[in-house]
C-alpha atoms as a PDB file:
ATOM      1  CA  UNK A   1     -38.358 -31.125  13.397  1.00  0.00           C
ATOM      2  CA  UNK A   2     -38.302 -30.904  17.179  1.00  0.00           C
ATOM      3  CA  UNK A   3     -37.288 -27.657  18.812  1.00  0.00           C
ATOM      4  CA  UNK A   4     -34.305 -27.513  21.107  1.00  0.00           C
ATOM      5  CA  UNK A   5     -34.768 -27.295  24.821  1.00  0.00           C
ATOM      6  CA  UNK A   6     -33.263 -24.341  26.703  1.00  0.00           C
ATOM      7  CA  UNK A   7     -30.444 -26.604  27.882  1.00  0.00           C
ATOM      8  CA  UNK A   8     -29.734 -27.758  24.332  1.00  0.00           C
ATOM      9  CA  UNK A   9     -29.780 -24.160  23.076  1.00  0.00           C
ATOM     10  CA  UNK A  10     -27.299 -23.226  25.784  1.00  0.00           C
ATOM     11  CA  UNK A  11     -24.985 -26.108  24.862  1.00  0.00           C
ATOM     12  CA  UNK A  12     -25.303 -25.231  21.169  1.00  0.00           C
ATOM     13  CA  UNK A  13     -24.404 -21.576  21.856  1.00  0.00           C
ATOM     14  CA  UNK A  14     -21.326 -22.689  23.794  1.00  0.00           C
ATOM     15  CA  UNK A  15     -20.197 -24.800  20.832  1.00  0.00           C
ATOM     16  CA  UNK A  16     -20.702 -21.886  18.412  1.00  0.00           C
ATOM     17  CA  UNK A  17     -18.793 -19.539  20.727  1.00  0.00           C
ATOM     18  CA  UNK A  18     -15.940 -22.027  21.071  1.00  0.00           C
ATOM     19  CA  UNK A  19     -15.655 -22.468  17.293  1.00  0.00           C
ATOM     20  CA  UNK A  20     -15.701 -18.686  16.774  1.00  0.00           C
ATOM     21  CA  UNK A  21     -12.994 -18.242  19.415  1.00  0.00           C
ATOM     22  CA  UNK A  22     -10.830 -20.884  17.724  1.00  0.00           C
ATOM     23  CA  UNK A  23     -11.186 -19.193  14.326  1.00  0.00           C
ATOM     24  CA  UNK A  24     -10.450 -15.764  15.773  1.00  0.00           C
ATOM     25  CA  UNK A  25      -7.477 -17.112  17.713  1.00  0.00           C
ATOM     26  CA  UNK A  26      -6.006 -18.753  14.639  1.00  0.00           C
ATOM     27  CA  UNK A  27      -6.320 -15.491  12.692  1.00  0.00           C
ATOM     28  CA  UNK A  28      -4.585 -13.531  15.457  1.00  0.00           C
ATOM     29  CA  UNK A  29      -1.779 -16.084  15.724  1.00  0.00           C
ATOM     30  CA  UNK A  30      -1.446 -16.145  11.933  1.00  0.00           C
ATOM     31  CA  UNK A  31      -1.180 -12.349  11.804  1.00  0.00           C
ATOM     32  CA  UNK A  32       1.565 -12.362  14.436  1.00  0.00           C
ATOM     33  CA  UNK A  33       3.532 -15.046  12.607  1.00  0.00           C
ATOM     34  CA  UNK A  34       3.129 -13.085   9.376  1.00  0.00           C
ATOM     35  CA  UNK A  35       4.375  -9.895  11.049  1.00  0.00           C
ATOM     36  CA  UNK A  36       7.383 -11.598  12.632  1.00  0.00           C
ATOM     37  CA  UNK A  37       8.342 -13.260   9.353  1.00  0.00           C
ATOM     38  CA  UNK A  38       8.121  -9.914   7.581  1.00  0.00           C
ATOM     39  CA  UNK A  39      10.384  -8.369  10.234  1.00  0.00           C
ATOM     40  CA  UNK A  40      12.950 -11.148   9.813  1.00  0.00           C
ATOM     41  CA  UNK A  41      12.844 -10.781   6.027  1.00  0.00           C
ATOM     42  CA  UNK A  42      13.217  -6.993   6.199  1.00  0.00           C
ATOM     43  CA  UNK A  43      16.217  -7.184   8.511  1.00  0.00           C
ATOM     44  CA  UNK A  44      17.845  -9.899   6.396  1.00  0.00           C
ATOM     45  CA  UNK A  45      17.596  -7.654   3.294  1.00  0.00           C
ATOM     46  CA  UNK A  46      19.359  -4.754   4.989  1.00  0.00           C
ATOM     47  CA  UNK A  47      16.437  -2.746   6.354  1.00  0.00           C
ATOM     48  CA  UNK A  48      16.767  -1.203   9.817  1.00  0.00           C
ATOM     49  CA  UNK A  49      14.155  -0.925  12.533  1.00  0.00           C
ATOM     50  CA  UNK A  50      13.355   2.282  14.404  1.00  0.00           C
ATOM     51  CA  UNK A  51      14.966   5.665  14.001  1.00  0.00           C
ATOM     52  CA  UNK A  52      13.421   8.681  12.291  1.00  0.00           C
ATOM     53  CA  UNK A  53      10.540   7.161  10.334  1.00  0.00           C
ATOM     54  CA  UNK A  54       7.127   8.487   9.245  1.00  0.00           C
ATOM     55  CA  UNK A  55       3.941   7.290  10.865  1.00  0.00           C
ATOM     56  CA  UNK A  56       2.162   4.976   8.415  1.00  0.00           C
ATOM     57  CA  UNK A  57      -0.538   5.635   7.340  1.00  0.00           C
ATOM     58  CA  UNK A  58      -0.654   8.813   9.447  1.00  0.00           C
ATOM     59  CA  UNK A  59      -1.893  11.689   7.283  1.00  0.00           C
ATOM     60  CA  UNK A  60      -0.243  10.426   4.115  1.00  0.00           C
ATOM     61  CA  UNK A  61      -2.556  11.230   1.154  1.00  0.00           C
ATOM     62  CA  UNK A  62      -2.421   7.927  -0.716  1.00  0.00           C
ATOM     63  CA  UNK A  63      -5.240   5.714  -1.972  1.00  0.00           C
ATOM     64  CA  UNK A  64      -3.559   2.590  -0.573  1.00  0.00           C
ATOM     65  CA  UNK A  65      -4.176   3.974   2.927  1.00  0.00           C
ATOM     66  CA  UNK A  66      -7.832   4.869   2.354  1.00  0.00           C
ATOM     67  CA  UNK A  67     -10.958   2.766   2.520  1.00  0.00           C
ATOM     68  CA  UNK A  68     -12.061   0.347   5.212  1.00  0.00           C
ATOM     69  CA  UNK A  69     -10.538   0.621   8.657  1.00  0.00           C
ATOM     70  CA  UNK A  70      -6.753   1.105   8.482  1.00  0.00           C
ATOM     71  CA  UNK A  71      -4.375   0.025  11.225  1.00  0.00           C
ATOM     72  CA  UNK A  72      -1.288   1.985  12.207  1.00  0.00           C
ATOM     73  CA  UNK A  73       1.895   0.129  11.236  1.00  0.00           C
ATOM     74  CA  UNK A  74       3.749  -0.725  14.429  1.00  0.00           C
ATOM     75  CA  UNK A  75       6.974  -1.554  12.605  1.00  0.00           C
ATOM     76  CA  UNK A  76       8.450   0.741   9.954  1.00  0.00           C
ATOM     77  CA  UNK A  77      11.867  -0.118   8.533  1.00  0.00           C
ATOM     78  CA  UNK A  78      14.299   2.281   6.902  1.00  0.00           C
ATOM     79  CA  UNK A  79      17.244   2.308   4.509  1.00  0.00           C
ATOM     80  CA  UNK A  80      18.238   4.197   1.381  1.00  0.00           C
ATOM     81  CA  UNK A  81      17.340   3.352  -2.203  1.00  0.00           C
ATOM     82  CA  UNK A  82      19.471   5.159  -4.749  1.00  0.00           C
ATOM     83  CA  UNK A  83      20.641   7.579  -2.007  1.00  0.00           C
ATOM     84  CA  UNK A  84      17.014   8.462  -1.228  1.00  0.00           C
ATOM     85  CA  UNK A  85      15.517   7.712   2.213  1.00  0.00           C
ATOM     86  CA  UNK A  86      13.067   4.836   1.977  1.00  0.00           C
ATOM     87  CA  UNK A  87      10.624   3.250   4.416  1.00  0.00           C
ATOM     88  CA  UNK A  88       9.134  -0.242   4.389  1.00  0.00           C
ATOM     89  CA  UNK A  89       6.086  -1.496   6.269  1.00  0.00           C
ATOM     90  CA  UNK A  90       3.422  -4.168   6.336  1.00  0.00           C
ATOM     91  CA  UNK A  91       0.047  -2.445   6.348  1.00  0.00           C
ATOM     92  CA  UNK A  92      -3.391  -3.935   6.950  1.00  0.00           C
ATOM     93  CA  UNK A  93      -6.983  -2.760   6.911  1.00  0.00           C
ATOM     94  CA  UNK A  94     -10.474  -4.185   7.308  1.00  0.00           C
ATOM     95  CA  UNK A  95     -12.830  -3.608   4.422  1.00  0.00           C
ATOM     96  CA  UNK A  96     -15.918  -2.923   6.548  1.00  0.00           C
ATOM     97  CA  UNK A  97     -17.832  -6.158   6.018  1.00  0.00           C
ATOM     98  CA  UNK A  98     -20.157  -7.270   8.848  1.00  0.00           C
ATOM     99  CA  UNK A  99     -17.622  -9.844  10.076  1.00  0.00           C
ATOM    100  CA  UNK A 100     -14.652  -7.492   9.869  1.00  0.00           C
ATOM    101  CA  UNK A 101     -12.040  -9.888  11.196  1.00  0.00           C
ATOM    102  CA  UNK A 102     -12.667 -12.168   8.206  1.00  0.00           C
ATOM    103  CA  UNK A 103     -12.007  -9.339   5.734  1.00  0.00           C
ATOM    104  CA  UNK A 104      -8.446  -8.338   6.628  1.00  0.00           C
ATOM    105  CA  UNK A 105      -6.321  -7.260   3.673  1.00  0.00           C
ATOM    106  CA  UNK A 106      -2.563  -7.020   4.015  1.00  0.00           C
ATOM    107  CA  UNK A 107      -0.169  -4.946   1.910  1.00  0.00           C
ATOM    108  CA  UNK A 108       3.557  -4.333   1.812  1.00  0.00           C
ATOM    109  CA  UNK A 109       4.279  -0.658   1.142  1.00  0.00           C
ATOM    110  CA  UNK A 110       7.549   1.055   0.292  1.00  0.00           C
ATOM    111  CA  UNK A 111       7.795   4.858   0.551  1.00  0.00           C
ATOM    112  CA  UNK A 112      10.654   6.702  -1.126  1.00  0.00           C
ATOM    113  CA  UNK A 113      11.399  10.340  -0.293  1.00  0.00           C
ATOM    114  CA  UNK A 114      11.961  12.353  -3.460  1.00  0.00           C
ATOM    115  CA  UNK A 115      13.528  15.727  -4.141  1.00  0.00           C
ATOM    116  CA  UNK A 116      10.238  17.034  -5.510  1.00  0.00           C
ATOM    117  CA  UNK A 117       6.747  17.990  -4.443  1.00  0.00           C
ATOM    118  CA  UNK A 118       4.291  16.011  -6.553  1.00  0.00           C
ATOM    119  CA  UNK A 119       0.582  16.585  -7.107  1.00  0.00           C
ATOM    120  CA  UNK A 120      -1.334  13.463  -6.137  1.00  0.00           C
ATOM    121  CA  UNK A 121      -1.412  10.667  -8.721  1.00  0.00           C
ATOM    122  CA  UNK A 122      -2.154   6.947  -8.593  1.00  0.00           C
ATOM    123  CA  UNK A 123      -1.322   4.263 -11.147  1.00  0.00           C
ATOM    124  CA  UNK A 124      -3.465   1.341 -10.127  1.00  0.00           C
ATOM    125  CA  UNK A 125      -5.349  -1.712 -11.277  1.00  0.00           C
ATOM    126  CA  UNK A 126      -8.637  -0.947 -13.070  1.00  0.00           C
ATOM    127  CA  UNK A 127     -10.501  -2.513 -10.111  1.00  0.00           C
ATOM    128  CA  UNK A 128      -9.337   0.132  -7.598  1.00  0.00           C
ATOM    129  CA  UNK A 129     -12.067   1.821  -5.565  1.00  0.00           C
ATOM    130  CA  UNK A 130     -13.478   4.802  -7.405  1.00  0.00           C
ATOM    131  CA  UNK A 131     -14.944   6.137  -4.136  1.00  0.00           C
ATOM    132  CA  UNK A 132     -11.493   6.311  -2.517  1.00  0.00           C
ATOM    133  CA  UNK A 133     -10.001   8.100  -5.515  1.00  0.00           C
ATOM    134  CA  UNK A 134     -12.924  10.511  -5.645  1.00  0.00           C
ATOM    135  CA  UNK A 135     -12.495  11.308  -1.945  1.00  0.00           C
ATOM    136  CA  UNK A 136      -8.867  12.248  -2.671  1.00  0.00           C
ATOM    137  CA  UNK A 137     -10.038  14.631  -5.395  1.00  0.00           C
ATOM    138  CA  UNK A 138      -8.599  12.486  -8.192  1.00  0.00           C
ATOM    139  CA  UNK A 139      -9.891  12.379 -11.751  1.00  0.00           C
ATOM    140  CA  UNK A 140      -9.346   9.526 -14.179  1.00  0.00           C
ATOM    141  CA  UNK A 141      -6.854  10.328 -16.922  1.00  0.00           C
ATOM    142  CA  UNK A 142      -7.260   8.816 -20.370  1.00  0.00           C
ATOM    143  CA  UNK A 143      -4.378   7.505 -22.487  1.00  0.00           C
ATOM    144  CA  UNK A 144      -4.419   6.169 -26.038  1.00  0.00           C
ATOM    145  CA  UNK A 145      -2.552   2.951 -25.243  1.00  0.00           C
ATOM    146  CA  UNK A 146      -4.645  -0.213 -25.237  1.00  0.00           C
ATOM    147  CA  UNK A 147      -2.100  -2.525 -23.582  1.00  0.00           C
ATOM    148  CA  UNK A 148      -1.352  -0.007 -20.855  1.00  0.00           C
ATOM    149  CA  UNK A 149      -5.055   0.679 -20.284  1.00  0.00           C
ATOM    150  CA  UNK A 150      -5.752  -3.042 -19.879  1.00  0.00           C
ATOM    151  CA  UNK A 151      -3.306  -3.202 -16.955  1.00  0.00           C
ATOM    152  CA  UNK A 152      -3.644   0.202 -15.310  1.00  0.00           C
ATOM    153  CA  UNK A 153      -5.906   3.123 -14.631  1.00  0.00           C
ATOM    154  CA  UNK A 154      -4.328   6.501 -13.889  1.00  0.00           C
ATOM    155  CA  UNK A 155      -6.041   8.986 -11.592  1.00  0.00           C
ATOM    156  CA  UNK A 156      -4.686  12.361 -10.546  1.00  0.00           C
ATOM    157  CA  UNK A 157      -5.539  15.717  -9.058  1.00  0.00           C
ATOM    158  CA  UNK A 158      -3.665  17.342 -11.939  1.00  0.00           C
ATOM    159  CA  UNK A 159      -4.283  16.083 -15.469  1.00  0.00           C
ATOM    160  CA  UNK A 160      -1.330  18.062 -16.813  1.00  0.00           C
ATOM    161  CA  UNK A 161       0.983  16.418 -14.264  1.00  0.00           C
ATOM    162  CA  UNK A 162      -0.325  12.993 -15.314  1.00  0.00           C
ATOM    163  CA  UNK A 163       0.555  13.749 -18.942  1.00  0.00           C
ATOM    164  CA  UNK A 164       4.094  14.698 -17.889  1.00  0.00           C
ATOM    165  CA  UNK A 165       4.665  11.673 -15.655  1.00  0.00           C
ATOM    166  CA  UNK A 166       2.990   8.961 -17.721  1.00  0.00           C
ATOM    167  CA  UNK A 167       4.942   9.500 -20.909  1.00  0.00           C
ATOM    168  CA  UNK A 168       5.686   6.715 -23.454  1.00  0.00           C
ATOM    169  CA  UNK A 169       8.856   5.683 -21.609  1.00  0.00           C
ATOM    170  CA  UNK A 170       7.043   5.365 -18.268  1.00  0.00           C
ATOM    171  CA  UNK A 171       4.177   3.482 -19.939  1.00  0.00           C
ATOM    172  CA  UNK A 172       6.637   1.051 -21.519  1.00  0.00           C
ATOM    173  CA  UNK A 173       8.366   0.403 -18.196  1.00  0.00           C
ATOM    174  CA  UNK A 174       5.074  -0.133 -16.354  1.00  0.00           C
ATOM    175  CA  UNK A 175       3.852  -2.616 -18.963  1.00  0.00           C
ATOM    176  CA  UNK A 176       7.126  -4.521 -19.408  1.00  0.00           C
ATOM    177  CA  UNK A 177       8.583  -4.483 -15.893  1.00  0.00           C
ATOM    178  CA  UNK A 178       6.197  -2.889 -13.418  1.00  0.00           C
ATOM    179  CA  UNK A 179       3.116  -5.107 -13.510  1.00  0.00           C
ATOM    180  CA  UNK A 180       1.737  -6.453 -10.231  1.00  0.00           C
ATOM    181  CA  UNK A 181       2.281  -3.327  -8.120  1.00  0.00           C
ATOM    182  CA  UNK A 182       0.448  -0.112  -7.341  1.00  0.00           C
ATOM    183  CA  UNK A 183       2.291   3.189  -7.797  1.00  0.00           C
ATOM    184  CA  UNK A 184       1.438   6.540  -6.247  1.00  0.00           C
ATOM    185  CA  UNK A 185       3.101   9.909  -5.847  1.00  0.00           C
ATOM    186  CA  UNK A 186       2.052  12.815  -3.644  1.00  0.00           C
ATOM    187  CA  UNK A 187       3.914  15.516  -1.778  1.00  0.00           C
ATOM    188  CA  UNK A 188       7.523  14.370  -1.354  1.00  0.00           C
ATOM    189  CA  UNK A 189       6.825  10.628  -1.571  1.00  0.00           C
ATOM    190  CA  UNK A 190       6.565   7.895  -4.152  1.00  0.00           C
ATOM    191  CA  UNK A 191       4.771   4.810  -2.838  1.00  0.00           C
ATOM    192  CA  UNK A 192       4.995   1.335  -4.345  1.00  0.00           C
ATOM    193  CA  UNK A 193       2.765  -1.379  -2.912  1.00  0.00           C
ATOM    194  CA  UNK A 194       1.310  -4.849  -3.409  1.00  0.00           C
ATOM    195  CA  UNK A 195      -1.194  -7.056  -1.660  1.00  0.00           C
ATOM    196  CA  UNK A 196       0.438  -9.908   0.236  1.00  0.00           C
ATOM    197  CA  UNK A 197      -2.306 -12.412  -0.630  1.00  0.00           C
ATOM    198  CA  UNK A 198      -1.606 -11.806  -4.314  1.00  0.00           C
ATOM    199  CA  UNK A 199       2.189 -12.063  -4.391  1.00  0.00           C
ATOM    200  CA  UNK A 200       3.338 -13.246  -0.974  1.00  0.00           C
ATOM    201  CA  UNK A 201       6.014 -11.240   0.817  1.00  0.00           C
ATOM    202  CA  UNK A 202       8.640 -10.382  -1.808  1.00  0.00           C
ATOM    203  CA  UNK A 203      10.791  -7.500  -0.591  1.00  0.00           C
ATOM    204  CA  UNK A 204      13.582  -7.728  -3.223  1.00  0.00           C
ATOM    205  CA  UNK A 205      11.100  -7.552  -6.110  1.00  0.00           C
ATOM    206  CA  UNK A 206       9.364  -4.605  -4.450  1.00  0.00           C
ATOM    207  CA  UNK A 207      12.713  -2.816  -4.148  1.00  0.00           C
ATOM    208  CA  UNK A 208      13.417  -3.396  -7.842  1.00  0.00           C
ATOM    209  CA  UNK A 209       9.993  -2.049  -8.741  1.00  0.00           C
ATOM    210  CA  UNK A 210      10.668   1.067  -6.661  1.00  0.00           C
ATOM    211  CA  UNK A 211      14.052   1.613  -8.317  1.00  0.00           C
ATOM    212  CA  UNK A 212      12.568   1.100 -11.764  1.00  0.00           C
ATOM    213  CA  UNK A 213       9.657   3.460 -11.165  1.00  0.00           C
ATOM    214  CA  UNK A 214      11.874   6.243  -9.764  1.00  0.00           C
ATOM    215  CA  UNK A 215      14.318   5.816 -12.658  1.00  0.00           C
ATOM    216  CA  UNK A 216      11.474   6.005 -15.190  1.00  0.00           C
ATOM    217  CA  UNK A 217      10.190   9.339 -13.879  1.00  0.00           C
ATOM    218  CA  UNK A 218      10.942  11.749 -16.738  1.00  0.00           C
ATOM    219  CA  UNK A 219      13.624  14.401 -16.314  1.00  0.00           C
ATOM    220  CA  UNK A 220      11.015  17.034 -17.132  1.00  0.00           C
ATOM    221  CA  UNK A 221       9.022  16.017 -14.056  1.00  0.00           C
ATOM    222  CA  UNK A 222      12.033  16.338 -11.756  1.00  0.00           C
ATOM    223  CA  UNK A 223      12.782  19.759 -13.223  1.00  0.00           C
ATOM    224  CA  UNK A 224       9.202  20.998 -13.221  1.00  0.00           C
ATOM    225  CA  UNK A 225       8.274  19.816  -9.722  1.00  0.00           C
ATOM    226  CA  UNK A 226      11.663  20.006  -8.049  1.00  0.00           C
ATOM    227  CA  UNK A 227      11.543  21.502  -4.579  1.00  0.00           C
ATOM    228  CA  UNK A 228      13.369  21.405  -1.291  1.00  0.00           C
ATOM    229  CA  UNK A 229      11.810  18.636   0.741  1.00  0.00           C
ATOM    230  CA  UNK A 230       9.816  20.000   3.677  1.00  0.00           C
ATOM    231  CA  UNK A 231      11.266  19.108   7.057  1.00  0.00           C
ATOM    232  CA  UNK A 232       9.396  16.081   8.358  1.00  0.00           C
ATOM    233  CA  UNK A 233       8.683  15.944  12.060  1.00  0.00           C
ATOM    234  CA  UNK A 234      10.098  12.923  13.766  1.00  0.00           C
ATOM    235  CA  UNK A 235       7.578  10.158  14.308  1.00  0.00           C
ATOM    236  CA  UNK A 236       8.620   6.830  15.690  1.00  0.00           C
ATOM    237  CA  UNK A 237       7.015   3.564  14.655  1.00  0.00           C
ATOM    238  CA  UNK A 238       3.660   3.199  16.319  1.00  0.00           C
END
């Protein structure tokens, strides 16, 4: 095999650079189209842009916002769900691979403000990152329910809280109606999320999952952890 001359190497490097630029450009354009479509969908389903919204991810203590390199959500939409303030956003992060721009993961997240202060807890797929959960101070909680355990793993800072929240009624709802989403609670928020590449953008189904999860929270949890919501400082969409 003959070696390339300096001129041929130069021409080859130009071709490689051009191909890389085309791939990168198509990813950037695709991300913008995806973001604009999400905005149009959100507005068409009654969500409102701007106003008093939290910064996402900001300092929110949720596993969905940890790991890799997160990006601040530039657009956060608001409305109420069951009279509770709710916030909707498309969130993305890089997972830290050498070619980071090929490892972008995109999620749709819905935050619901609750009239309680919850210890941190995550109901997630068994494949969720143990390192992220460990960094949050979470411990895996065991339940004697084979079907539930095949779909979810529960991790929490407070094992007692997990036993209150994940009661038989909540387990039944998660198995029968809640599959395909991640569920977390911490501080005054409940967060419901899904990965766009898995489901595609499906805002109405996400809203139904949020309503179902909030409704399934046991009365004992609302009573035990009820608190006046702390005043949140105003933070516009970044």
